[in-house]
Amino acid sequence: APRLRYLTVYGRMPVAEAVDDPGVPLARVFVADNARGDVIDRIVAGARRRGVAVERVSETRVAHLARNGRHHQGVVADIAPPGLGALGAWLTGRRGRRHATSLLLLDGVHNPSNVGMIIRSATGAGVDGIVVPLRGTAELGPLVLKASAGVALRATLLRTDDAAGAVAELRDARFEVIGLD
């Protein structure tokens, strides 16, 4: 599912910055049919220069992709950070490894800025990955990316349906689970 593979950013300047930065792993760009202007032209030209697909779609489709009907400004980009993936697939890929791994599982963190700051702090503290459930925690999006100061593009971010299911998966994979409130 796209929510497991991409971080979605929206708005003219955030998307323009992502397109202009060769270090940002840009996957695709969606531009509303009625979106016009110098910044839109810059986004389209920059994406094409990088070999990134640009799709012209309806404004309704852009709003749906952004999951924000008011602030998308007619443009959305999907970013494919190398560390973003599904918890289950990540656990399967590490089977047989013997080194200790530390993960931080978020639950009930509804403010995207807090999620971003936690990602930044946990990564800086040496945590190997952050598990971010699709339900019960803020969506990984532009506010998380901004609050993480870009660390979310480099961190190991593991998606799962919910925290309870993640705890069960981690226990099955022989992780010691410690809860904090």
Foldseek 3Di string as FASTA:
>chain_A
DLLQFWAKEAALPVLLVLLPDPVFQWAAKEFEPPQDDDSVVSNVVSCVVVVHYYHHDHLVVQCVVQVHNPHRSGMMTITGQPQGHAPVVVLVVCPPPDDDAAEAEDAQAADLLVLLLCLLVCVVVPHQEYEYEPPRYHRRYDNSCVSVVNVVSHGRYHYDHHDVVVVVVCVVSVHDDDDDD
